[in-house]
Amino acid sequence: MTVTTEERPGQLTHHKEGRVGYVVFDNQRKFNAVNFDMWNALPKVIAGFVADPEVRVIVITGAGDRAFISGADISQFDKKRTGSANDDYNKAVDGGYSAVLDCPKPTVAKIRGICMGGGLGLALNCDIRIVADDVKIRMPAARLGLGYQYPGLKRFTEVLGPSNTADLFFSARIFGAADAFSMGLAKQVVPAAELDAVVTAYVNQIAENAPLTVAAAKRALLEIRKDADKRDIALVDRMVQACFASEDYNEGRRAFAEKRTPDFQGR
């Protein structure tokens, strides 16, 4: 028997295209709402891409053309977010968020259509967000009576600032691409029909760059987010020195002198 998109339960899929790893939230009948199993699977998928030396950048997106992620699958709340089960659910969500936020490789959110609730939180945990001009974005916690934990609010303020964060959480309003760009949520807004091509070109550009240099920059960004007394600046310094000691550094200088595209190997 053939299972249609409308019948198939939500799932997290992943694949590689060259040096780019793709994480796809696929629950199209519910606008890619994330269920408990998908949250649980996310850290494993991210860890697999982190361990794969061929993968240099990770794209997170939603299946189809109607949504990035519409939030958590509310149909599971009666069983998964009550009593003791709520602890397991929160642990799964926190694990998924942390896997993306703390990923040592660059992460890019490719966003079209609906991006709300947990989907918006996950998008903000990525390093970069490129959005289609048809996006509808919302943080609906205040319309559902949900509390939003401190780490999540902290990340919102890091990306959007306190005033924009207050606006999104207090009003629970729906907004589009223009607001997303003006508040710094989106790096770039593109026509929906061009989103795939623009993101592909951008992440391939990242993937062509020196992996050790990108990794050192990403580590510095991760350390900046920590409290000052917990930052491992020495680690960042070692990674920077490793760049100068690498064959890629020699390759970069040769390629510049020879006016050609460098072929970086990550060593």
C-alpha atoms as a PDB file:
ATOM      1  CA  MET A   1       0.000   0.000   0.000  1.00  0.00           C
ATOM      2  CA  THR A   2       1.318   3.452  -0.919  1.00  0.00           C
ATOM      3  CA  VAL A   3       1.514   5.911   1.966  1.00  0.00           C
ATOM      4  CA  THR A   4       0.753   9.500   0.930  1.00  0.00           C
ATOM      5  CA  THR A   5       2.197  12.633   2.486  1.00  0.00           C
ATOM      6  CA  GLU A   6      -1.114  13.198   4.278  1.00  0.00           C
ATOM      7  CA  GLU A   7      -1.004   9.731   5.882  1.00  0.00           C
ATOM      8  CA  ARG A   8       2.691   9.483   6.721  1.00  0.00           C
ATOM      9  CA  PRO A   9       3.717  10.445  10.252  1.00  0.00           C
ATOM     10  CA  GLY A  10       6.166  13.297  10.667  1.00  0.00           C
ATOM     11  CA  GLN A  11       9.810  12.374  10.287  1.00  0.00           C
ATOM     12  CA  LEU A  12      13.248  13.929  10.224  1.00  0.00           C
ATOM     13  CA  THR A  13      15.212  13.137   7.083  1.00  0.00           C
ATOM     14  CA  HIS A  14      18.751  14.022   6.068  1.00  0.00           C
ATOM     15  CA  HIS A  15      21.021  13.798   3.055  1.00  0.00           C
ATOM     16  CA  LYS A  16      24.225  15.198   1.596  1.00  0.00           C
ATOM     17  CA  GLU A  17      24.746  17.240  -1.535  1.00  0.00           C
ATOM     18  CA  GLY A  18      28.479  17.505  -2.074  1.00  0.00           C
ATOM     19  CA  ARG A  19      29.964  19.148   1.010  1.00  0.00           C
ATOM     20  CA  VAL A  20      26.596  20.283   2.369  1.00  0.00           C
ATOM     21  CA  GLY A  21      24.481  18.324   4.845  1.00  0.00           C
ATOM     22  CA  TYR A  22      20.713  18.850   4.760  1.00  0.00           C
ATOM     23  CA  VAL A  23      18.348  18.317   7.700  1.00  0.00           C
ATOM     24  CA  VAL A  24      14.696  18.255   6.598  1.00  0.00           C
ATOM     25  CA  PHE A  25      11.669  18.408   8.890  1.00  0.00           C
ATOM     26  CA  ASP A  26       8.988  16.499   7.016  1.00  0.00           C
ATOM     27  CA  ASN A  27       5.477  16.615   8.458  1.00  0.00           C
ATOM     28  CA  GLN A  28       3.755  18.367   5.608  1.00  0.00           C
ATOM     29  CA  ARG A  29       0.163  17.644   6.577  1.00  0.00           C
ATOM     30  CA  LYS A  30       0.843  19.658   9.755  1.00  0.00           C
ATOM     31  CA  PHE A  31       3.044  22.316   8.163  1.00  0.00           C
ATOM     32  CA  ASN A  32       6.134  20.434   9.372  1.00  0.00           C
ATOM     33  CA  ALA A  33       5.202  20.527  13.055  1.00  0.00           C
ATOM     34  CA  VAL A  34       7.863  18.755  15.106  1.00  0.00           C
ATOM     35  CA  ASN A  35       6.869  15.654  17.045  1.00  0.00           C
ATOM     36  CA  PHE A  36       8.690  13.974  19.927  1.00  0.00           C
ATOM     37  CA  ASP A  37      10.537  11.496  17.698  1.00  0.00           C
ATOM     38  CA  MET A  38      11.777  14.268  15.411  1.00  0.00           C
ATOM     39  CA  TRP A  39      13.161  16.235  18.360  1.00  0.00           C
ATOM     40  CA  ASN A  40      14.912  13.092  19.577  1.00  0.00           C
ATOM     41  CA  ALA A  41      16.399  12.384  16.157  1.00  0.00           C
ATOM     42  CA  LEU A  42      17.820  15.864  15.590  1.00  0.00           C
ATOM     43  CA  PRO A  43      20.934  15.603  17.832  1.00  0.00           C
ATOM     44  CA  LYS A  44      21.877  12.287  16.211  1.00  0.00           C
ATOM     45  CA  VAL A  45      21.601  13.719  12.697  1.00  0.00           C
ATOM     46  CA  ILE A  46      23.623  16.811  13.606  1.00  0.00           C
ATOM     47  CA  ALA A  47      26.270  14.660  15.325  1.00  0.00           C
ATOM     48  CA  GLY A  48      26.545  12.529  12.195  1.00  0.00           C
ATOM     49  CA  PHE A  49      27.216  15.557  10.027  1.00  0.00           C
ATOM     50  CA  VAL A  50      29.697  16.961  12.550  1.00  0.00           C
ATOM     51  CA  ALA A  51      31.627  13.666  12.471  1.00  0.00           C
ATOM     52  CA  ASP A  52      31.602  13.524   8.652  1.00  0.00           C
ATOM     53  CA  PRO A  53      34.740  15.259   7.315  1.00  0.00           C
ATOM     54  CA  GLU A  54      33.083  15.727   3.933  1.00  0.00           C
ATOM     55  CA  VAL A  55      30.351  17.955   5.404  1.00  0.00           C
ATOM     56  CA  ARG A  56      31.439  21.566   5.827  1.00  0.00           C
ATOM     57  CA  VAL A  57      28.097  23.328   6.326  1.00  0.00           C
ATOM     58  CA  ILE A  58      24.630  22.209   7.458  1.00  0.00           C
ATOM     59  CA  VAL A  59      21.288  23.452   6.107  1.00  0.00           C
ATOM     60  CA  ILE A  60      18.113  23.078   8.166  1.00  0.00           C
ATOM     61  CA  THR A  61      14.809  23.367   6.335  1.00  0.00           C
ATOM     62  CA  GLY A  62      11.259  22.059   6.016  1.00  0.00           C
ATOM     63  CA  ALA A  63       9.802  19.737   3.392  1.00  0.00           C
ATOM     64  CA  GLY A  64       7.529  21.111   0.704  1.00  0.00           C
ATOM     65  CA  ASP A  65       6.836  24.744  -0.079  1.00  0.00           C
ATOM     66  CA  ARG A  66       4.277  25.653   2.606  1.00  0.00           C
ATOM     67  CA  ALA A  67       6.353  25.748   5.772  1.00  0.00           C
ATOM     68  CA  PHE A  68       9.742  25.751   7.439  1.00  0.00           C
ATOM     69  CA  ILE A  69       8.447  24.506  10.802  1.00  0.00           C
ATOM     70  CA  SER A  70       5.085  25.504  12.251  1.00  0.00           C
ATOM     71  CA  GLY A  71       6.160  24.691  15.806  1.00  0.00           C
ATOM     72  CA  ALA A  72       5.697  21.693  18.051  1.00  0.00           C
ATOM     73  CA  ASP A  73       3.089  19.057  17.191  1.00  0.00           C
ATOM     74  CA  ILE A  74       0.354  20.176  19.593  1.00  0.00           C
ATOM     75  CA  SER A  75      -1.594  16.936  19.081  1.00  0.00           C
ATOM     76  CA  GLN A  76       1.020  15.243  21.296  1.00  0.00           C
ATOM     77  CA  PHE A  77       0.697  17.685  24.182  1.00  0.00           C
ATOM     78  CA  ASP A  78      -2.042  15.779  26.043  1.00  0.00           C
ATOM     79  CA  LYS A  79       0.222  12.730  26.350  1.00  0.00           C
ATOM     80  CA  LYS A  80       3.741  14.146  26.009  1.00  0.00           C
ATOM     81  CA  ARG A  81       3.530  17.482  27.838  1.00  0.00           C
ATOM     82  CA  THR A  82       1.662  16.589  31.013  1.00  0.00           C
ATOM     83  CA  GLY A  83       2.909  15.228  34.314  1.00  0.00           C
ATOM     84  CA  SER A  84       6.198  13.347  34.336  1.00  0.00           C
ATOM     85  CA  ALA A  85       6.102  12.922  30.550  1.00  0.00           C
ATOM     86  CA  ASN A  86       6.663  16.661  30.220  1.00  0.00           C
ATOM     87  CA  ASP A  87      10.203  16.284  31.564  1.00  0.00           C
ATOM     88  CA  ASP A  88      11.069  13.819  28.797  1.00  0.00           C
ATOM     89  CA  TYR A  89       9.523  16.078  26.180  1.00  0.00           C
ATOM     90  CA  ASN A  90      11.408  19.150  27.396  1.00  0.00           C
ATOM     91  CA  LYS A  91      14.635  17.145  27.462  1.00  0.00           C
ATOM     92  CA  ALA A  92      14.118  16.124  23.835  1.00  0.00           C
ATOM     93  CA  VAL A  93      13.403  19.709  22.752  1.00  0.00           C
ATOM     94  CA  ASP A  94      16.376  21.073  24.687  1.00  0.00           C
ATOM     95  CA  GLY A  95      18.606  18.409  23.148  1.00  0.00           C
ATOM     96  CA  GLY A  96      17.486  19.353  19.650  1.00  0.00           C
ATOM     97  CA  TYR A  97      17.968  23.063  20.251  1.00  0.00           C
ATOM     98  CA  SER A  98      21.395  22.566  21.819  1.00  0.00           C
ATOM     99  CA  ALA A  99      22.583  20.330  18.993  1.00  0.00           C
ATOM    100  CA  VAL A 100      21.985  23.149  16.532  1.00  0.00           C
ATOM    101  CA  LEU A 101      23.036  26.058  18.746  1.00  0.00           C
ATOM    102  CA  ASP A 102      26.314  24.404  19.789  1.00  0.00           C
ATOM    103  CA  CYS A 103      27.131  22.841  16.420  1.00  0.00           C
ATOM    104  CA  PRO A 104      30.821  23.434  15.587  1.00  0.00           C
ATOM    105  CA  LYS A 105      30.064  23.656  11.869  1.00  0.00           C
ATOM    106  CA  PRO A 106      28.170  26.531  10.197  1.00  0.00           C
ATOM    107  CA  THR A 107      24.395  26.156  10.169  1.00  0.00           C
ATOM    108  CA  VAL A 108      22.005  27.880   7.771  1.00  0.00           C
ATOM    109  CA  ALA A 109      18.209  27.938   8.087  1.00  0.00           C
ATOM    110  CA  LYS A 110      16.394  27.951   4.740  1.00  0.00           C
ATOM    111  CA  ILE A 111      12.947  29.343   5.550  1.00  0.00           C
ATOM    112  CA  ARG A 112       9.855  29.524   3.399  1.00  0.00           C
ATOM    113  CA  GLY A 113       6.192  29.744   4.330  1.00  0.00           C
ATOM    114  CA  ILE A 114       5.203  29.286   7.960  1.00  0.00           C
ATOM    115  CA  CYS A 115       7.857  29.624  10.652  1.00  0.00           C
ATOM    116  CA  MET A 116       6.365  29.731  14.129  1.00  0.00           C
ATOM    117  CA  GLY A 117       6.917  28.737  17.751  1.00  0.00           C
ATOM    118  CA  GLY A 118       9.541  26.062  18.109  1.00  0.00           C
ATOM    119  CA  GLY A 119      10.400  26.490  14.443  1.00  0.00           C
ATOM    120  CA  LEU A 120      11.261  30.132  15.020  1.00  0.00           C
ATOM    121  CA  GLY A 121      13.319  29.198  18.066  1.00  0.00           C
ATOM    122  CA  LEU A 122      15.202  26.570  16.072  1.00  0.00           C
ATOM    123  CA  ALA A 123      15.823  28.994  13.205  1.00  0.00           C
ATOM    124  CA  LEU A 124      17.343  31.499  15.626  1.00  0.00           C
ATOM    125  CA  ASN A 125      19.694  28.781  16.882  1.00  0.00           C
ATOM    126  CA  CYS A 126      21.210  28.604  13.400  1.00  0.00           C
ATOM    127  CA  ASP A 127      24.085  30.904  12.508  1.00  0.00           C
ATOM    128  CA  ILE A 128      22.387  32.373   9.439  1.00  0.00           C
ATOM    129  CA  ARG A 129      18.813  32.594   8.172  1.00  0.00           C
ATOM    130  CA  ILE A 130      17.788  33.134   4.545  1.00  0.00           C
ATOM    131  CA  VAL A 131      14.057  33.595   4.060  1.00  0.00           C
ATOM    132  CA  ALA A 132      11.605  33.607   1.189  1.00  0.00           C
ATOM    133  CA  ASP A 133       9.393  36.621   0.673  1.00  0.00           C
ATOM    134  CA  ASP A 134       6.311  34.538   1.500  1.00  0.00           C
ATOM    135  CA  VAL A 135       7.235  33.816   5.130  1.00  0.00           C
ATOM    136  CA  LYS A 136       4.741  34.098   7.963  1.00  0.00           C
ATOM    137  CA  ILE A 137       6.568  34.237  11.288  1.00  0.00           C
ATOM    138  CA  ARG A 138       5.153  34.165  14.796  1.00  0.00           C
ATOM    139  CA  MET A 139       6.008  33.383  18.390  1.00  0.00           C
ATOM    140  CA  PRO A 140       2.552  32.263  19.655  1.00  0.00           C
ATOM    141  CA  ALA A 141       3.467  31.273  23.235  1.00  0.00           C
ATOM    142  CA  ALA A 142       1.283  34.018  24.721  1.00  0.00           C
ATOM    143  CA  ARG A 143      -1.708  32.714  22.719  1.00  0.00           C
ATOM    144  CA  LEU A 144      -1.193  29.189  24.063  1.00  0.00           C
ATOM    145  CA  GLY A 145      -0.379  29.950  27.684  1.00  0.00           C
ATOM    146  CA  LEU A 146       3.093  28.427  27.356  1.00  0.00           C
ATOM    147  CA  GLY A 147       6.093  29.604  29.347  1.00  0.00           C
ATOM    148  CA  TYR A 148       9.337  30.140  27.439  1.00  0.00           C
ATOM    149  CA  GLN A 149      12.488  29.206  29.285  1.00  0.00           C
ATOM    150  CA  TYR A 150      15.415  31.548  29.968  1.00  0.00           C
ATOM    151  CA  PRO A 151      17.941  30.028  27.497  1.00  0.00           C
ATOM    152  CA  GLY A 152      15.476  30.476  24.654  1.00  0.00           C
ATOM    153  CA  LEU A 153      14.760  34.095  25.536  1.00  0.00           C
ATOM    154  CA  LYS A 154      18.473  34.738  25.859  1.00  0.00           C
ATOM    155  CA  ARG A 155      19.063  33.490  22.330  1.00  0.00           C
ATOM    156  CA  PHE A 156      16.241  35.690  20.993  1.00  0.00           C
ATOM    157  CA  THR A 157      17.832  38.760  22.581  1.00  0.00           C
ATOM    158  CA  GLU A 158      21.278  37.800  21.220  1.00  0.00           C
ATOM    159  CA  VAL A 159      19.930  37.789  17.678  1.00  0.00           C
ATOM    160  CA  LEU A 160      17.090  40.312  17.763  1.00  0.00           C
ATOM    161  CA  GLY A 161      17.809  42.511  20.781  1.00  0.00           C
ATOM    162  CA  PRO A 162      15.581  43.018  23.854  1.00  0.00           C
ATOM    163  CA  SER A 163      13.049  45.349  22.205  1.00  0.00           C
ATOM    164  CA  ASN A 164      12.273  43.080  19.238  1.00  0.00           C
ATOM    165  CA  THR A 165      12.165  40.052  21.541  1.00  0.00           C
ATOM    166  CA  ALA A 166       9.673  41.825  23.783  1.00  0.00           C
ATOM    167  CA  ASP A 167       7.551  42.709  20.749  1.00  0.00           C
ATOM    168  CA  LEU A 168       7.405  39.126  19.467  1.00  0.00           C
ATOM    169  CA  PHE A 169       6.613  37.556  22.838  1.00  0.00           C
ATOM    170  CA  PHE A 170       4.228  40.218  24.150  1.00  0.00           C
ATOM    171  CA  SER A 171       2.190  40.687  20.964  1.00  0.00           C
ATOM    172  CA  ALA A 172       2.356  37.152  19.502  1.00  0.00           C
ATOM    173  CA  ARG A 173       1.785  38.893  16.171  1.00  0.00           C
ATOM    174  CA  ILE A 174       2.306  37.395  12.720  1.00  0.00           C
ATOM    175  CA  PHE A 175       4.862  39.234  10.601  1.00  0.00           C
ATOM    176  CA  GLY A 176       6.527  38.844   7.240  1.00  0.00           C
ATOM    177  CA  ALA A 177       9.836  39.071   5.446  1.00  0.00           C
ATOM    178  CA  ALA A 178      10.252  42.865   5.667  1.00  0.00           C
ATOM    179  CA  ASP A 179      10.032  42.844   9.466  1.00  0.00           C
ATOM    180  CA  ALA A 180      12.262  39.764   9.652  1.00  0.00           C
ATOM    181  CA  PHE A 181      14.973  41.567   7.700  1.00  0.00           C
ATOM    182  CA  SER A 182      14.663  44.884   9.545  1.00  0.00           C
ATOM    183  CA  MET A 183      15.033  43.269  12.972  1.00  0.00           C
ATOM    184  CA  GLY A 184      18.032  41.171  11.914  1.00  0.00           C
ATOM    185  CA  LEU A 185      16.247  37.829  11.925  1.00  0.00           C
ATOM    186  CA  ALA A 186      16.988  37.282   8.230  1.00  0.00           C
ATOM    187  CA  LYS A 187      20.337  37.800   6.534  1.00  0.00           C
ATOM    188  CA  GLN A 188      18.610  37.936   3.177  1.00  0.00           C
ATOM    189  CA  VAL A 189      15.092  37.921   1.724  1.00  0.00           C
ATOM    190  CA  VAL A 190      14.588  36.392  -1.723  1.00  0.00           C
ATOM    191  CA  PRO A 191      11.599  35.550  -3.937  1.00  0.00           C
ATOM    192  CA  ALA A 192      10.207  32.158  -2.951  1.00  0.00           C
ATOM    193  CA  ALA A 193      10.900  30.753  -6.410  1.00  0.00           C
ATOM    194  CA  GLU A 194      14.603  31.639  -6.036  1.00  0.00           C
ATOM    195  CA  LEU A 195      15.141  30.421  -2.463  1.00  0.00           C
ATOM    196  CA  ASP A 196      16.588  27.008  -3.347  1.00  0.00           C
ATOM    197  CA  ALA A 197      19.058  28.418  -5.849  1.00  0.00           C
ATOM    198  CA  VAL A 198      20.168  31.287  -3.590  1.00  0.00           C
ATOM    199  CA  VAL A 199      20.724  29.060  -0.559  1.00  0.00           C
ATOM    200  CA  THR A 200      22.534  26.443  -2.623  1.00  0.00           C
ATOM    201  CA  ALA A 201      24.912  29.032  -4.045  1.00  0.00           C
ATOM    202  CA  TYR A 202      25.536  30.556  -0.615  1.00  0.00           C
ATOM    203  CA  VAL A 203      26.253  27.332   1.256  1.00  0.00           C
ATOM    204  CA  ASN A 204      28.452  26.072  -1.562  1.00  0.00           C
ATOM    205  CA  GLN A 205      30.444  29.284  -1.215  1.00  0.00           C
ATOM    206  CA  ILE A 206      30.917  28.520   2.495  1.00  0.00           C
ATOM    207  CA  ALA A 207      31.860  24.917   1.699  1.00  0.00           C
ATOM    208  CA  GLU A 208      34.589  26.065  -0.696  1.00  0.00           C
ATOM    209  CA  ASN A 209      36.356  28.069   2.021  1.00  0.00           C
ATOM    210  CA  ALA A 210      39.119  26.843   4.320  1.00  0.00           C
ATOM    211  CA  PRO A 211      37.473  24.504   6.878  1.00  0.00           C
ATOM    212  CA  LEU A 212      40.010  25.237   9.618  1.00  0.00           C
ATOM    213  CA  THR A 213      39.449  28.979   9.280  1.00  0.00           C
ATOM    214  CA  VAL A 214      35.675  28.588   9.369  1.00  0.00           C
ATOM    215  CA  ALA A 215      35.908  26.223  12.357  1.00  0.00           C
ATOM    216  CA  ALA A 216      38.077  28.681  14.293  1.00  0.00           C
ATOM    217  CA  ALA A 217      35.635  31.505  13.627  1.00  0.00           C
ATOM    218  CA  LYS A 218      32.678  29.340  14.649  1.00  0.00           C
ATOM    219  CA  ARG A 219      34.434  28.299  17.874  1.00  0.00           C
ATOM    220  CA  ALA A 220      35.102  31.958  18.696  1.00  0.00           C
ATOM    221  CA  LEU A 221      31.412  32.758  18.164  1.00  0.00           C
ATOM    222  CA  LEU A 222      30.422  29.885  20.461  1.00  0.00           C
ATOM    223  CA  GLU A 223      32.809  31.087  23.163  1.00  0.00           C
ATOM    224  CA  ILE A 224      31.517  34.673  22.912  1.00  0.00           C
ATOM    225  CA  ARG A 225      28.050  33.442  23.896  1.00  0.00           C
ATOM    226  CA  LYS A 226      29.358  32.025  27.172  1.00  0.00           C
ATOM    227  CA  ASP A 227      29.849  33.927  30.424  1.00  0.00           C
ATOM    228  CA  ALA A 228      33.269  35.557  30.462  1.00  0.00           C
ATOM    229  CA  ASP A 229      34.642  33.245  33.160  1.00  0.00           C
ATOM    230  CA  LYS A 230      33.697  30.148  31.144  1.00  0.00           C
ATOM    231  CA  ARG A 231      35.182  31.099  27.797  1.00  0.00           C
ATOM    232  CA  ASP A 232      37.982  28.939  26.455  1.00  0.00           C
ATOM    233  CA  ILE A 233      39.983  31.614  24.668  1.00  0.00           C
ATOM    234  CA  ALA A 234      43.044  29.362  24.672  1.00  0.00           C
ATOM    235  CA  LEU A 235      41.172  26.857  22.510  1.00  0.00           C
ATOM    236  CA  VAL A 236      40.325  29.573  20.006  1.00  0.00           C
ATOM    237  CA  ASP A 237      43.960  30.671  19.961  1.00  0.00           C
ATOM    238  CA  ARG A 238      45.108  27.100  19.268  1.00  0.00           C
ATOM    239  CA  MET A 239      42.641  26.777  16.416  1.00  0.00           C
ATOM    240  CA  VAL A 240      43.837  30.064  14.928  1.00  0.00           C
ATOM    241  CA  GLN A 241      47.449  28.951  15.143  1.00  0.00           C
ATOM    242  CA  ALA A 242      46.496  25.665  13.492  1.00  0.00           C
ATOM    243  CA  CYS A 243      45.225  27.681  10.534  1.00  0.00           C
ATOM    244  CA  PHE A 244      48.618  29.335  10.043  1.00  0.00           C
ATOM    245  CA  ALA A 245      50.385  25.982  10.382  1.00  0.00           C
ATOM    246  CA  SER A 246      48.121  24.242   7.877  1.00  0.00           C
ATOM    247  CA  GLU A 247      48.653  23.186   4.291  1.00  0.00           C
ATOM    248  CA  ASP A 248      45.448  25.069   3.508  1.00  0.00           C
ATOM    249  CA  TYR A 249      47.199  28.324   4.455  1.00  0.00           C
ATOM    250  CA  ASN A 250      49.931  27.536   1.924  1.00  0.00           C
ATOM    251  CA  GLU A 251      47.314  26.567  -0.649  1.00  0.00           C
ATOM    252  CA  GLY A 252      45.412  29.803  -0.089  1.00  0.00           C
ATOM    253  CA  ARG A 253      48.503  31.920  -0.675  1.00  0.00           C
ATOM    254  CA  ARG A 254      49.481  29.927  -3.764  1.00  0.00           C
ATOM    255  CA  ALA A 255      45.999  30.188  -5.214  1.00  0.00           C
ATOM    256  CA  PHE A 256      45.917  33.944  -4.600  1.00  0.00           C
ATOM    257  CA  ALA A 257      49.274  34.404  -6.342  1.00  0.00           C
ATOM    258  CA  GLU A 258      48.211  32.163  -9.231  1.00  0.00           C
ATOM    259  CA  LYS A 259      44.786  33.839  -9.493  1.00  0.00           C
ATOM    260  CA  ARG A 260      42.852  30.591  -9.185  1.00  0.00           C
ATOM    261  CA  THR A 261      40.252  29.099  -6.854  1.00  0.00           C
ATOM    262  CA  PRO A 262      41.924  27.396  -3.867  1.00  0.00           C
ATOM    263  CA  ASP A 263      41.316  23.709  -3.192  1.00  0.00           C
ATOM    264  CA  PHE A 264      41.147  23.486   0.600  1.00  0.00           C
ATOM    265  CA  GLN A 265      41.421  20.059   2.221  1.00  0.00           C
ATOM    266  CA  GLY A 266      41.015  20.929   5.882  1.00  0.00           C
ATOM    267  CA  ARG A 267      44.548  20.109   6.909  1.00  0.00           C
END
